[in-house]
Protein backbone atom coordinates (compact mmCIF):
# COMPACT_ATOMS: atom_id res chain seq x y z
CA MET A 1 -1.05 -10.37 -0.41
CA LYS A 2 -4.79 -11.22 0.53
CA GLU A 3 -4.53 -9.09 3.53
CA LEU A 4 -2.87 -6.18 1.58
CA ILE A 5 -5.68 -6.46 -1.04
CA GLU A 6 -8.35 -6.49 1.70
CA ILE A 7 -6.75 -3.07 3.26
CA LEU A 8 -6.68 -1.53 0.04
CA LYS A 9 -10.54 -2.52 -0.71
CA GLU A 10 -11.47 -0.97 2.78
CA ILE A 11 -9.78 2.37 1.74
CA LYS A 12 -10.95 2.34 -2.17
CA PRO A 13 -13.78 -0.22 -2.42
CA GLU A 14 -14.54 0.74 -6.15
CA VAL A 15 -10.84 0.15 -7.38
CA ASP A 16 -9.87 -3.47 -8.65
CA PHE A 17 -6.35 -3.15 -7.07
CA GLU A 18 -5.29 -6.53 -8.75
CA LYS A 19 -5.45 -5.12 -12.18
CA GLU A 20 -4.64 -1.50 -11.45
CA LYS A 21 -0.96 -0.63 -12.26
CA ASN A 22 -1.05 3.01 -11.78
CA LEU A 23 -2.28 3.95 -8.17
CA ILE A 24 -0.37 6.99 -7.81
CA SER A 25 0.20 8.31 -11.11
CA ASP A 26 -3.21 7.89 -12.12
CA GLY A 27 -4.41 9.70 -8.82
CA ILE A 28 -6.31 6.60 -7.48
CA LEU A 29 -4.59 7.03 -3.96
CA ASP A 30 -3.95 10.36 -2.63
CA SER A 31 -1.97 11.50 0.35
CA PHE A 32 -4.73 10.89 2.91
CA ASP A 33 -5.30 7.34 1.50
CA ILE A 34 -1.38 6.66 1.77
CA VAL A 35 -1.46 7.70 5.31
CA THR A 36 -4.33 5.43 6.43
CA LEU A 37 -2.84 2.68 4.16
CA VAL A 38 0.38 2.87 6.04
CA SER A 39 -1.12 2.97 9.42
CA GLU A 40 -3.45 -0.19 8.48
CA ILE A 41 -0.12 -1.84 7.10
CA ASN A 42 1.89 -1.22 10.33
CA ASP A 43 -1.01 -2.65 12.22
CA LYS A 44 -1.85 -5.94 10.11
CA PHE A 45 1.84 -6.74 9.33
CA ASP A 46 3.53 -5.55 12.70
CA ILE A 47 5.81 -3.61 10.94
CA GLU A 48 7.04 -0.02 11.20
CA PHE A 49 6.89 1.90 7.65
CA PRO A 50 9.43 4.40 7.84
CA VAL A 51 8.94 7.82 6.37
CA THR A 52 11.84 7.24 3.89
CA GLU A 53 9.87 4.22 2.28
CA VAL A 54 6.85 6.45 1.84
CA VAL A 55 7.73 7.06 -1.74
CA PRO A 56 5.34 6.99 -4.91
CA GLU A 57 7.22 4.10 -6.31
CA ASN A 58 6.35 1.65 -3.18
CA PHE A 59 2.60 2.73 -3.72
CA GLU A 60 2.19 2.52 -7.48
CA ASN A 61 0.73 -0.83 -7.50
CA VAL A 62 -0.06 -3.74 -5.18
CA ASP A 63 2.93 -5.77 -6.39
CA ALA A 64 5.36 -3.02 -5.40
CA LEU A 65 3.64 -2.23 -2.24
CA TYR A 66 3.69 -6.21 -1.22
CA LYS A 67 7.37 -6.22 -2.09
CA THR A 68 8.00 -3.25 0.05
CA ILE A 69 6.23 -4.84 3.00
CA GLN A 70 8.18 -8.11 2.66
CA GLU A 71 11.38 -6.25 2.69
CA LEU A 72 10.36 -4.39 5.78
CA LYS A 73 9.49 -7.64 7.50
CA ASN A 74 12.83 -9.28 6.85
CA ASP A 75 14.80 -6.51 8.04
């Protein structure tokens, strides 16, 4: 989880990702941020984030994103 928050803070340092629960619906992360985030996650966690998993629900908050990463690591 710590690594994920570090990646997010590199992209948007002004956001408190541990408290924010509506990253997509509140417009905190935009499409460019998502593309950057997926690339960084692929590198950091040594996974392949498939296009089918790039859906708003998986990026809405840190917990949802971390859960998705864990599921991809276990596949």
